[in-house]
Amino acid sequence: MINKLRNELLNKELSFLQLDNLMTNNNFYSCFENDIIEYIYSNNEIFYLKIDTEKQYKFDIKITVSDDDLTENFYLKVLNIEEY
């Protein structure tokens, strides 16, 4: 799974909502919870949990376009993906 994600997403620019939809459609638990957006902006990383394997995936990102508010309306570039 990690290789598939890397092939599809590394160095790609997409919106946070596109990433979140892609991940949930592939049986990952969405990270879209309370206060998660503030965490993403502060740490430049997003975590997902694969439901059937309980493996965790960390996405190192760079926010490329955002509004001044801390909302989910931002674009990002995926720099690295790690599996735990």
PDB file of N, CA and C in Angstrom:
ATOM      1  N   MET A   1       0.815  -1.194   0.000  1.00  0.00           N
ATOM      2  CA  MET A   1       0.000   0.000   0.000  1.00  0.00           C
ATOM      3  C   MET A   1       0.862   1.263   0.000  1.00  0.00           C
ATOM      4  N   ILE A   2       1.954   1.230   0.737  1.00  0.00           N
ATOM      5  CA  ILE A   2       2.801   2.422   0.818  1.00  0.00           C
ATOM      6  C   ILE A   2       3.368   2.792  -0.552  1.00  0.00           C
ATOM      7  N   ASN A   3       3.745   1.806  -1.335  1.00  0.00           N
ATOM      8  CA  ASN A   3       4.285   2.093  -2.674  1.00  0.00           C
ATOM      9  C   ASN A   3       3.218   2.673  -3.585  1.00  0.00           C
ATOM     10  N   LYS A   4       2.016   2.162  -3.482  1.00  0.00           N
ATOM     11  CA  LYS A   4       0.911   2.686  -4.291  1.00  0.00           C
ATOM     12  C   LYS A   4       0.650   4.150  -3.945  1.00  0.00           C
ATOM     13  N   LEU A   5       0.602   4.453  -2.650  1.00  0.00           N
ATOM     14  CA  LEU A   5       0.373   5.831  -2.218  1.00  0.00           C
ATOM     15  C   LEU A   5       1.499   6.747  -2.692  1.00  0.00           C
ATOM     16  N   ARG A   6       2.719   6.281  -2.557  1.00  0.00           N
ATOM     17  CA  ARG A   6       3.854   7.096  -3.000  1.00  0.00           C
ATOM     18  C   ARG A   6       3.808   7.345  -4.502  1.00  0.00           C
ATOM     19  N   ASN A   7       3.502   6.309  -5.266  1.00  0.00           N
ATOM     20  CA  ASN A   7       3.417   6.473  -6.726  1.00  0.00           C
ATOM     21  C   ASN A   7       2.328   7.449  -7.125  1.00  0.00           C
ATOM     22  N   GLU A   8       1.216   7.402  -6.435  1.00  0.00           N
ATOM     23  CA  GLU A   8       0.085   8.264  -6.768  1.00  0.00           C
ATOM     24  C   GLU A   8       0.236   9.694  -6.270  1.00  0.00           C
ATOM     25  N   LEU A   9       0.888   9.871  -5.120  1.00  0.00           N
ATOM     26  CA  LEU A   9       0.776  11.161  -4.439  1.00  0.00           C
ATOM     27  C   LEU A   9       2.069  11.949  -4.229  1.00  0.00           C
ATOM     28  N   LEU A  10       3.211  11.300  -4.239  1.00  0.00           N
ATOM     29  CA  LEU A  10       4.450  12.041  -3.975  1.00  0.00           C
ATOM     30  C   LEU A  10       4.660  13.139  -5.001  1.00  0.00           C
ATOM     31  N   ASN A  11       4.975  14.316  -4.489  1.00  0.00           N
ATOM     32  CA  ASN A  11       5.233  15.510  -5.299  1.00  0.00           C
ATOM     33  C   ASN A  11       4.026  15.995  -6.092  1.00  0.00           C
ATOM     34  N   LYS A  12       2.855  15.527  -5.703  1.00  0.00           N
ATOM     35  CA  LYS A  12       1.622  15.987  -6.344  1.00  0.00           C
ATOM     36  C   LYS A  12       1.025  17.125  -5.524  1.00  0.00           C
ATOM     37  N   GLU A  13       0.423  18.056  -6.229  1.00  0.00           N
ATOM     38  CA  GLU A  13      -0.280  19.140  -5.562  1.00  0.00           C
ATOM     39  C   GLU A  13      -1.779  18.902  -5.711  1.00  0.00           C
ATOM     40  N   LEU A  14      -2.483  18.956  -4.600  1.00  0.00           N
ATOM     41  CA  LEU A  14      -3.923  18.748  -4.592  1.00  0.00           C
ATOM     42  C   LEU A  14      -4.519  19.445  -3.378  1.00  0.00           C
ATOM     43  N   SER A  15      -5.814  19.551  -3.382  1.00  0.00           N
ATOM     44  CA  SER A  15      -6.458  20.179  -2.230  1.00  0.00           C
ATOM     45  C   SER A  15      -6.521  19.178  -1.081  1.00  0.00           C
ATOM     46  N   PHE A  16      -6.618  19.710   0.112  1.00  0.00           N
ATOM     47  CA  PHE A  16      -6.772  18.850   1.280  1.00  0.00           C
ATOM     48  C   PHE A  16      -8.019  17.986   1.134  1.00  0.00           C
ATOM     49  N   LEU A  17      -9.094  18.561   0.651  1.00  0.00           N
ATOM     50  CA  LEU A  17     -10.338  17.793   0.500  1.00  0.00           C
ATOM     51  C   LEU A  17     -10.181  16.688  -0.543  1.00  0.00           C
ATOM     52  N   GLN A  18      -9.433  16.925  -1.598  1.00  0.00           N
ATOM     53  CA  GLN A  18      -9.174  15.872  -2.581  1.00  0.00           C
ATOM     54  C   GLN A  18      -8.396  14.726  -1.943  1.00  0.00           C
ATOM     55  N   LEU A  19      -7.376  15.070  -1.173  1.00  0.00           N
ATOM     56  CA  LEU A  19      -6.598  14.044  -0.488  1.00  0.00           C
ATOM     57  C   LEU A  19      -7.468  13.271   0.489  1.00  0.00           C
ATOM     58  N   ASP A  20      -8.234  13.964   1.272  1.00  0.00           N
ATOM     59  CA  ASP A  20      -9.074  13.311   2.266  1.00  0.00           C
ATOM     60  C   ASP A  20     -10.107  12.394   1.601  1.00  0.00           C
ATOM     61  N   ASN A  21     -10.705  12.834   0.518  1.00  0.00           N
ATOM     62  CA  ASN A  21     -11.667  11.997  -0.207  1.00  0.00           C
ATOM     63  C   ASN A  21     -10.998  10.766  -0.808  1.00  0.00           C
ATOM     64  N   LEU A  22      -9.829  10.953  -1.382  1.00  0.00           N
ATOM     65  CA  LEU A  22      -9.084   9.825  -1.943  1.00  0.00           C
ATOM     66  C   LEU A  22      -8.779   8.787  -0.872  1.00  0.00           C
ATOM     67  N   MET A  23      -8.326   9.258   0.268  1.00  0.00           N
ATOM     68  CA  MET A  23      -7.969   8.340   1.345  1.00  0.00           C
ATOM     69  C   MET A  23      -9.199   7.619   1.905  1.00  0.00           C
ATOM     70  N   THR A  24     -10.269   8.314   2.153  1.00  0.00           N
ATOM     71  CA  THR A  24     -11.466   7.659   2.695  1.00  0.00           C
ATOM     72  C   THR A  24     -12.059   6.682   1.679  1.00  0.00           C
ATOM     73  N   ASN A  25     -11.956   6.984   0.400  1.00  0.00           N
ATOM     74  CA  ASN A  25     -12.443   6.061  -0.636  1.00  0.00           C
ATOM     75  C   ASN A  25     -11.590   4.796  -0.720  1.00  0.00           C
ATOM     76  N   ASN A  26     -10.377   4.847  -0.172  1.00  0.00           N
ATOM     77  CA  ASN A  26      -9.486   3.683  -0.150  1.00  0.00           C
ATOM     78  C   ASN A  26      -9.414   3.036   1.226  1.00  0.00           C
ATOM     79  N   ASN A  27     -10.474   3.216   1.991  1.00  0.00           N
ATOM     80  CA  ASN A  27     -10.629   2.532   3.274  1.00  0.00           C
ATOM     81  C   ASN A  27      -9.675   3.029   4.367  1.00  0.00           C
ATOM     82  N   PHE A  28      -9.414   4.325   4.347  1.00  0.00           N
ATOM     83  CA  PHE A  28      -8.646   4.955   5.409  1.00  0.00           C
ATOM     84  C   PHE A  28      -9.590   5.763   6.283  1.00  0.00           C
ATOM     85  N   TYR A  29      -9.264   5.828   7.536  1.00  0.00           N
ATOM     86  CA  TYR A  29     -10.030   6.638   8.466  1.00  0.00           C
ATOM     87  C   TYR A  29      -9.656   8.097   8.239  1.00  0.00           C
ATOM     88  N   SER A  30     -10.659   8.919   8.044  1.00  0.00           N
ATOM     89  CA  SER A  30     -10.425  10.321   7.768  1.00  0.00           C
ATOM     90  C   SER A  30      -9.830  11.042   8.970  1.00  0.00           C
ATOM     91  N   CYS A  31      -8.903  11.910   8.694  1.00  0.00           N
ATOM     92  CA  CYS A  31      -8.288  12.703   9.759  1.00  0.00           C
ATOM     93  C   CYS A  31      -9.065  13.986  10.011  1.00  0.00           C
ATOM     94  N   PHE A  32     -10.161  14.155   9.323  1.00  0.00           N
ATOM     95  CA  PHE A  32     -10.917  15.393   9.385  1.00  0.00           C
ATOM     96  C   PHE A  32     -11.742  15.443  10.669  1.00  0.00           C
ATOM     97  N   GLU A  33     -11.124  15.891  11.741  1.00  0.00           N
ATOM     98  CA  GLU A  33     -11.771  15.979  13.045  1.00  0.00           C
ATOM     99  C   GLU A  33     -11.592  17.380  13.616  1.00  0.00           C
ATOM    100  N   ASN A  34     -12.142  17.600  14.777  1.00  0.00           N
ATOM    101  CA  ASN A  34     -12.015  18.891  15.443  1.00  0.00           C
ATOM    102  C   ASN A  34     -10.556  19.262  15.633  1.00  0.00           C
ATOM    103  N   ASP A  35     -10.235  20.473  15.333  1.00  0.00           N
ATOM    104  CA  ASP A  35      -8.907  21.061  15.532  1.00  0.00           C
ATOM    105  C   ASP A  35      -7.800  20.439  14.688  1.00  0.00           C
ATOM    106  N   ILE A  36      -8.129  19.539  13.795  1.00  0.00           N
ATOM    107  CA  ILE A  36      -7.086  18.912  12.991  1.00  0.00           C
ATOM    108  C   ILE A  36      -6.477  19.891  11.989  1.00  0.00           C
ATOM    109  N   ILE A  37      -7.269  20.809  11.505  1.00  0.00           N
ATOM    110  CA  ILE A  37      -6.770  21.763  10.517  1.00  0.00           C
ATOM    111  C   ILE A  37      -5.667  22.632  11.126  1.00  0.00           C
ATOM    112  N   GLU A  38      -5.870  23.086  12.345  1.00  0.00           N
ATOM    113  CA  GLU A  38      -4.846  23.875  13.027  1.00  0.00           C
ATOM    114  C   GLU A  38      -3.561  23.065  13.189  1.00  0.00           C
ATOM    115  N   TYR A  39      -3.696  21.784  13.527  1.00  0.00           N
ATOM    116  CA  TYR A  39      -2.532  20.901  13.656  1.00  0.00           C
ATOM    117  C   TYR A  39      -1.787  20.786  12.318  1.00  0.00           C
ATOM    118  N   ILE A  40      -2.526  20.595  11.247  1.00  0.00           N
ATOM    119  CA  ILE A  40      -1.913  20.443   9.924  1.00  0.00           C
ATOM    120  C   ILE A  40      -1.143  21.710   9.546  1.00  0.00           C
ATOM    121  N   TYR A  41      -1.744  22.857   9.757  1.00  0.00           N
ATOM    122  CA  TYR A  41      -1.072  24.119   9.448  1.00  0.00           C
ATOM    123  C   TYR A  41       0.194  24.288  10.283  1.00  0.00           C
ATOM    124  N   SER A  42       0.151  23.901  11.531  1.00  0.00           N
ATOM    125  CA  SER A  42       1.288  24.089  12.440  1.00  0.00           C
ATOM    126  C   SER A  42       2.416  23.090  12.191  1.00  0.00           C
ATOM    127  N   ASN A  43       2.073  21.861  11.822  1.00  0.00           N
ATOM    128  CA  ASN A  43       3.063  20.783  11.743  1.00  0.00           C
ATOM    129  C   ASN A  43       3.385  20.290  10.335  1.00  0.00           C
ATOM    130  N   ASN A  44       2.618  20.726   9.361  1.00  0.00           N
ATOM    131  CA  ASN A  44       2.829  20.296   7.974  1.00  0.00           C
ATOM    132  C   ASN A  44       2.853  18.778   7.837  1.00  0.00           C
ATOM    133  N   GLU A  45       1.925  18.138   8.527  1.00  0.00           N
ATOM    134  CA  GLU A  45       1.785  16.684   8.402  1.00  0.00           C
ATOM    135  C   GLU A  45       0.329  16.284   8.639  1.00  0.00           C
ATOM    136  N   ILE A  46      -0.032  15.170   8.022  1.00  0.00           N
ATOM    137  CA  ILE A  46      -1.385  14.624   8.126  1.00  0.00           C
ATOM    138  C   ILE A  46      -1.250  13.134   8.393  1.00  0.00           C
ATOM    139  N   PHE A  47      -2.081  12.617   9.266  1.00  0.00           N
ATOM    140  CA  PHE A  47      -2.069  11.193   9.589  1.00  0.00           C
ATOM    141  C   PHE A  47      -3.376  10.539   9.154  1.00  0.00           C
ATOM    142  N   TYR A  48      -3.247   9.320   8.636  1.00  0.00           N
ATOM    143  CA  TYR A  48      -4.401   8.491   8.297  1.00  0.00           C
ATOM    144  C   TYR A  48      -4.182   7.096   8.863  1.00  0.00           C
ATOM    145  N   LEU A  49      -5.272   6.441   9.171  1.00  0.00           N
ATOM    146  CA  LEU A  49      -5.241   5.072   9.678  1.00  0.00           C
ATOM    147  C   LEU A  49      -5.951   4.182   8.670  1.00  0.00           C
ATOM    148  N   LYS A  50      -5.277   3.134   8.234  1.00  0.00           N
ATOM    149  CA  LYS A  50      -5.894   2.165   7.322  1.00  0.00           C
ATOM    150  C   LYS A  50      -6.797   1.268   8.159  1.00  0.00           C
ATOM    151  N   ILE A  51      -8.072   1.256   7.854  1.00  0.00           N
ATOM    152  CA  ILE A  51      -9.065   0.604   8.702  1.00  0.00           C
ATOM    153  C   ILE A  51      -8.833  -0.896   8.825  1.00  0.00           C
ATOM    154  N   ASP A  52      -8.585  -1.596   7.735  1.00  0.00           N
ATOM    155  CA  ASP A  52      -8.490  -3.060   7.778  1.00  0.00           C
ATOM    156  C   ASP A  52      -7.149  -3.577   8.319  1.00  0.00           C
ATOM    157  N   THR A  53      -6.103  -2.748   8.315  1.00  0.00           N
ATOM    158  CA  THR A  53      -4.803  -3.206   8.814  1.00  0.00           C
ATOM    159  C   THR A  53      -4.357  -2.473  10.081  1.00  0.00           C
ATOM    160  N   GLU A  54      -4.996  -1.378  10.364  1.00  0.00           N
ATOM    161  CA  GLU A  54      -4.658  -0.505  11.501  1.00  0.00           C
ATOM    162  C   GLU A  54      -3.253   0.066  11.400  1.00  0.00           C
ATOM    163  N   LYS A  55      -2.710   0.100  10.205  1.00  0.00           N
ATOM    164  CA  LYS A  55      -1.426   0.766   9.989  1.00  0.00           C
ATOM    165  C   LYS A  55      -1.681   2.265   9.853  1.00  0.00           C
ATOM    166  N   GLN A  56      -0.725   3.016  10.360  1.00  0.00           N
ATOM    167  CA  GLN A  56      -0.840   4.459  10.312  1.00  0.00           C
ATOM    168  C   GLN A  56       0.086   4.998   9.229  1.00  0.00           C
ATOM    169  N   TYR A  57      -0.391   6.017   8.523  1.00  0.00           N
ATOM    170  CA  TYR A  57       0.377   6.633   7.458  1.00  0.00           C
ATOM    171  C   TYR A  57       0.523   8.117   7.751  1.00  0.00           C
ATOM    172  N   LYS A  58       1.767   8.566   7.686  1.00  0.00           N
ATOM    173  CA  LYS A  58       2.051   9.977   7.922  1.00  0.00           C
ATOM    174  C   LYS A  58       2.442  10.625   6.608  1.00  0.00           C
ATOM    175  N   PHE A  59       1.769  11.709   6.292  1.00  0.00           N
ATOM    176  CA  PHE A  59       2.044  12.485   5.096  1.00  0.00           C
ATOM    177  C   PHE A  59       2.752  13.767   5.500  1.00  0.00           C
ATOM    178  N   ASP A  60       3.976  13.935   5.038  1.00  0.00           N
ATOM    179  CA  ASP A  60       4.665  15.213   5.204  1.00  0.00           C
ATOM    180  C   ASP A  60       4.251  16.076   4.021  1.00  0.00           C
ATOM    181  N   ILE A  61       3.802  17.267   4.325  1.00  0.00           N
ATOM    182  CA  ILE A  61       3.255  18.121   3.268  1.00  0.00           C
ATOM    183  C   ILE A  61       3.844  19.516   3.333  1.00  0.00           C
ATOM    184  N   LYS A  62       3.635  20.232   2.262  1.00  0.00           N
ATOM    185  CA  LYS A  62       3.903  21.667   2.215  1.00  0.00           C
ATOM    186  C   LYS A  62       2.611  22.317   1.751  1.00  0.00           C
ATOM    187  N   ILE A  63       2.120  23.254   2.521  1.00  0.00           N
ATOM    188  CA  ILE A  63       0.907  23.967   2.121  1.00  0.00           C
ATOM    189  C   ILE A  63       1.311  24.983   1.062  1.00  0.00           C
ATOM    190  N   THR A  64       0.681  24.889  -0.098  1.00  0.00           N
ATOM    191  CA  THR A  64       1.074  25.726  -1.227  1.00  0.00           C
ATOM    192  C   THR A  64       0.138  26.907  -1.436  1.00  0.00           C
ATOM    193  N   VAL A  65      -1.143  26.719  -1.147  1.00  0.00           N
ATOM    194  CA  VAL A  65      -2.120  27.794  -1.298  1.00  0.00           C
ATOM    195  C   VAL A  65      -3.119  27.682  -0.169  1.00  0.00           C
ATOM    196  N   SER A  66      -3.356  28.797   0.513  1.00  0.00           N
ATOM    197  CA  SER A  66      -4.362  28.791   1.579  1.00  0.00           C
ATOM    198  C   SER A  66      -4.934  30.184   1.733  1.00  0.00           C
ATOM    199  N   ASP A  67      -6.104  30.232   2.340  1.00  0.00           N
ATOM    200  CA  ASP A  67      -6.656  31.531   2.672  1.00  0.00           C
ATOM    201  C   ASP A  67      -6.101  31.939   4.037  1.00  0.00           C
ATOM    202  N   ASP A  68      -6.448  33.094   4.495  1.00  0.00           N
ATOM    203  CA  ASP A  68      -5.903  33.581   5.760  1.00  0.00           C
ATOM    204  C   ASP A  68      -6.487  32.882   6.975  1.00  0.00           C
ATOM    205  N   ASP A  69      -7.632  32.276   6.804  1.00  0.00           N
ATOM    206  CA  ASP A  69      -8.261  31.552   7.906  1.00  0.00           C
ATOM    207  C   ASP A  69      -7.753  30.117   7.930  1.00  0.00           C
ATOM    208  N   LEU A  70      -7.803  29.517   9.095  1.00  0.00           N
ATOM    209  CA  LEU A  70      -7.426  28.109   9.216  1.00  0.00           C
ATOM    210  C   LEU A  70      -8.625  27.251   8.846  1.00  0.00           C
ATOM    211  N   THR A  71      -8.798  27.038   7.553  1.00  0.00           N
ATOM    212  CA  THR A  71      -9.918  26.231   7.069  1.00  0.00           C
ATOM    213  C   THR A  71      -9.372  25.061   6.265  1.00  0.00           C
ATOM    214  N   GLU A  72     -10.266  24.174   5.883  1.00  0.00           N
ATOM    215  CA  GLU A  72      -9.871  23.019   5.071  1.00  0.00           C
ATOM    216  C   GLU A  72      -9.687  23.391   3.600  1.00  0.00           C
ATOM    217  N   ASN A  73      -9.875  24.643   3.254  1.00  0.00           N
ATOM    218  CA  ASN A  73      -9.743  25.100   1.871  1.00  0.00           C
ATOM    219  C   ASN A  73      -8.305  25.489   1.564  1.00  0.00           C
ATOM    220  N   PHE A  74      -7.446  24.493   1.479  1.00  0.00           N
ATOM    221  CA  PHE A  74      -6.058  24.763   1.128  1.00  0.00           C
ATOM    222  C   PHE A  74      -5.532  23.679   0.203  1.00  0.00           C
ATOM    223  N   TYR A  75      -4.472  24.032  -0.488  1.00  0.00           N
ATOM    224  CA  TYR A  75      -3.789  23.081  -1.375  1.00  0.00           C
ATOM    225  C   TYR A  75      -2.461  22.705  -0.747  1.00  0.00           C
ATOM    226  N   LEU A  76      -2.033  21.507  -1.068  1.00  0.00           N
ATOM    227  CA  LEU A  76      -0.802  20.998  -0.472  1.00  0.00           C
ATOM    228  C   LEU A  76      -0.027  20.201  -1.502  1.00  0.00           C
ATOM    229  N   LYS A  77       1.240  20.037  -1.195  1.00  0.00           N
ATOM    230  CA  LYS A  77       2.107  19.168  -1.987  1.00  0.00           C
ATOM    231  C   LYS A  77       2.598  18.079  -1.050  1.00  0.00           C
ATOM    232  N   VAL A  78       2.467  16.831  -1.464  1.00  0.00           N
ATOM    233  CA  VAL A  78       2.896  15.693  -0.649  1.00  0.00           C
ATOM    234  C   VAL A  78       4.398  15.502  -0.846  1.00  0.00           C
ATOM    235  N   LEU A  79       5.149  15.643   0.235  1.00  0.00           N
ATOM    236  CA  LEU A  79       6.608  15.546   0.180  1.00  0.00           C
ATOM    237  C   LEU A  79       7.131  14.162   0.534  1.00  0.00           C
ATOM    238  N   ASN A  80       6.430  13.491   1.448  1.00  0.00           N
ATOM    239  CA  ASN A  80       6.864  12.161   1.870  1.00  0.00           C
ATOM    240  C   ASN A  80       5.678  11.437   2.507  1.00  0.00           C
ATOM    241  N   ILE A  81       5.707  10.112   2.441  1.00  0.00           N
ATOM    242  CA  ILE A  81       4.690   9.274   3.097  1.00  0.00           C
ATOM    243  C   ILE A  81       5.416   8.162   3.826  1.00  0.00           C
ATOM    244  N   GLU A  82       5.097   8.005   5.109  1.00  0.00           N
ATOM    245  CA  GLU A  82       5.693   6.952   5.915  1.00  0.00           C
ATOM    246  C   GLU A  82       4.603   6.053   6.482  1.00  0.00           C
ATOM    247  N   GLU A  83       4.945   4.789   6.670  1.00  0.00           N
ATOM    248  CA  GLU A  83       4.015   3.804   7.215  1.00  0.00           C
ATOM    249  C   GLU A  83       4.511   3.357   8.585  1.00  0.00           C
ATOM    250  N   TYR A  84       3.594   3.278   9.535  1.00  0.00           N
ATOM    251  CA  TYR A  84       3.945   2.834  10.900  1.00  0.00           C
ATOM    252  C   TYR A  84       3.118   1.640  11.300  1.00  0.00           C
TER     253      TYR A  84
END
